[in-house]
Amino acid sequence: MRYALLVMGAPYSSQAPHSALRFAHALTGQGHSLDSVFFYRDGVHNASFLLTPPQDEANLHDLWQELHETQGTRLDVCIAAALRRGLLDEAEARRHGKPGHNVAAPFELTGLGQLLTVQQRCDRLITFAA
């Protein structure tokens, strides 16, 4: 089966991203494919490469990136929710005249239309919220 995940919880203040990652690894371990992870609302904070947790805690940004590298999973970030929370990729930083950015590949800023496309393409969309 083809799955997609919707992550709506912020890293380190919600269990949602941790649970979504564990679920993602369980899916792929059972032979299912994970097409996409869509980050929405406070979940967009998972895309910031400036996350710097203590050394004895998991770096969620790096773990999502590793999932992309090993499984080819798309990491889509709602652009409206991201901009509202100060998360920008290089192109959006330029467009808005900001001096820096904190979102980079493999995370991609996309619209909610991408979530609808993913939902139609996959057999299941599982939501992880705070």
Protein backbone atom coordinates (compact mmCIF):
# COMPACT_ATOMS: atom_id res chain seq x y z
CA MET A 1 0.00 0.00 0.00
CA ARG A 2 1.03 3.58 -0.60
CA TYR A 3 0.83 5.85 2.43
CA ALA A 4 1.16 9.55 3.11
CA LEU A 5 1.48 11.27 6.47
CA LEU A 6 0.16 14.64 7.63
CA VAL A 7 2.22 16.01 10.53
CA MET A 8 0.66 18.92 12.42
CA GLY A 9 2.68 18.96 15.65
CA ALA A 10 5.81 20.96 16.38
CA PRO A 11 9.04 19.16 17.19
CA TYR A 12 9.94 18.92 20.88
CA SER A 13 6.57 20.29 22.07
CA SER A 14 4.33 17.62 20.57
CA GLN A 15 4.53 13.85 20.34
CA ALA A 16 3.12 13.97 16.78
CA PRO A 17 6.44 14.18 14.85
CA HIS A 18 8.04 11.41 16.93
CA SER A 19 5.01 9.15 16.44
CA ALA A 20 4.91 9.92 12.71
CA LEU A 21 8.57 8.98 12.32
CA ARG A 22 8.10 5.69 14.18
CA PHE A 23 5.04 4.95 12.06
CA ALA A 24 6.99 5.76 8.88
CA HIS A 25 9.74 3.30 9.77
CA ALA A 26 7.19 0.63 10.71
CA LEU A 27 5.44 1.10 7.35
CA THR A 28 8.56 0.73 5.29
CA GLY A 29 9.68 -2.19 7.47
CA GLN A 30 6.45 -3.99 6.55
CA GLY A 31 7.02 -3.47 2.83
CA HIS A 32 4.64 -0.55 2.34
CA SER A 33 5.75 2.62 0.59
CA LEU A 34 5.66 6.09 2.12
CA ASP A 35 5.03 8.49 -0.71
CA SER A 36 4.97 11.79 1.15
CA VAL A 37 5.00 13.58 4.48
CA PHE A 38 3.09 16.87 4.50
CA PHE A 39 3.91 19.29 7.32
CA TYR A 40 1.07 21.64 8.27
CA ARG A 41 0.28 24.13 11.06
CA ASP A 42 2.99 23.94 13.75
CA GLY A 43 4.35 20.81 12.06
CA VAL A 44 6.16 23.09 9.60
CA HIS A 45 8.80 23.69 12.28
CA ASN A 46 10.14 20.19 11.55
CA ALA A 47 11.55 21.62 8.30
CA SER A 48 13.86 24.17 9.94
CA PHE A 49 17.51 23.22 9.56
CA LEU A 50 18.23 25.53 12.52
CA LEU A 51 16.79 23.01 14.99
CA THR A 52 19.55 22.34 17.51
CA PRO A 53 18.38 19.93 20.20
CA PRO A 54 20.67 18.78 23.02
CA GLN A 55 23.11 16.04 21.95
CA ASP A 56 21.22 13.38 23.90
CA GLU A 57 17.98 14.07 21.98
CA ALA A 58 17.10 13.08 18.44
CA ASN A 59 17.43 15.78 15.80
CA LEU A 60 14.04 15.48 14.13
CA HIS A 61 15.03 17.56 11.11
CA ASP A 62 17.93 15.21 10.42
CA LEU A 63 15.72 12.14 10.92
CA TRP A 64 13.17 13.40 8.39
CA GLN A 65 15.99 14.11 5.96
CA GLU A 66 17.35 10.59 6.50
CA LEU A 67 13.88 9.17 5.76
CA HIS A 68 13.89 11.06 2.46
CA GLU A 69 17.37 9.82 1.58
CA THR A 70 16.68 6.16 2.39
CA GLN A 71 13.07 5.85 1.22
CA GLY A 72 12.69 8.62 -1.37
CA THR A 73 9.81 10.09 0.63
CA ARG A 74 8.74 13.62 -0.37
CA LEU A 75 8.88 16.18 2.45
CA ASP A 76 6.27 18.84 1.63
CA VAL A 77 5.77 21.91 3.80
CA CYS A 78 2.66 24.11 3.65
CA ILE A 79 3.97 27.44 2.41
CA ALA A 80 1.24 29.54 4.04
CA ALA A 81 1.77 27.94 7.45
CA ALA A 82 5.55 28.16 7.07
CA LEU A 83 5.69 31.84 6.12
CA ARG A 84 3.32 32.69 8.96
CA ARG A 85 5.77 31.02 11.38
CA GLY A 86 8.99 32.47 9.96
CA LEU A 87 10.12 29.48 7.91
CA LEU A 88 11.42 30.40 4.46
CA ASP A 89 13.45 28.70 1.78
CA GLU A 90 16.04 30.66 -0.17
CA ALA A 91 13.62 31.75 -2.91
CA GLU A 92 10.96 32.98 -0.45
CA ALA A 93 13.58 34.83 1.60
CA ARG A 94 14.65 36.70 -1.54
CA ARG A 95 11.06 37.36 -2.57
CA HIS A 96 10.20 38.84 0.82
CA GLY A 97 13.48 40.71 1.25
CA LYS A 98 14.64 38.67 4.24
CA PRO A 99 18.36 38.31 5.03
CA GLY A 100 18.33 34.52 5.48
CA HIS A 101 16.41 31.28 5.21
CA ASN A 102 15.94 28.18 7.35
CA VAL A 103 14.33 25.62 5.02
CA ALA A 104 16.29 23.72 2.39
CA ALA A 105 16.01 20.57 0.29
CA PRO A 106 14.79 17.92 0.66
CA PHE A 107 12.00 19.91 2.35
CA GLU A 108 9.90 21.73 -0.23
CA LEU A 109 7.48 24.61 0.34
CA THR A 110 4.21 23.73 -1.41
CA GLY A 111 0.54 24.65 -1.28
CA LEU A 112 -2.40 22.75 0.13
CA GLY A 113 -3.14 21.59 -3.40
CA GLN A 114 -0.14 19.27 -3.06
CA LEU A 115 -1.80 17.65 -0.04
CA LEU A 116 -4.92 16.97 -2.10
CA THR A 117 -2.82 15.47 -4.90
CA VAL A 118 -1.02 13.22 -2.43
CA GLN A 119 -4.31 12.16 -0.87
CA GLN A 120 -5.63 11.09 -4.27
CA ARG A 121 -2.42 9.29 -5.22
CA CYS A 122 -2.08 7.27 -2.00
CA ASP A 123 -4.18 4.52 -0.47
CA ARG A 124 -4.07 6.04 3.02
CA LEU A 125 -3.38 9.46 4.55
CA ILE A 126 -2.60 9.24 8.26
CA THR A 127 -2.73 12.40 10.41
CA PHE A 128 -0.46 13.05 13.40
CA ALA A 129 -1.65 16.08 15.38
CA ALA A 130 -0.90 17.56 18.78
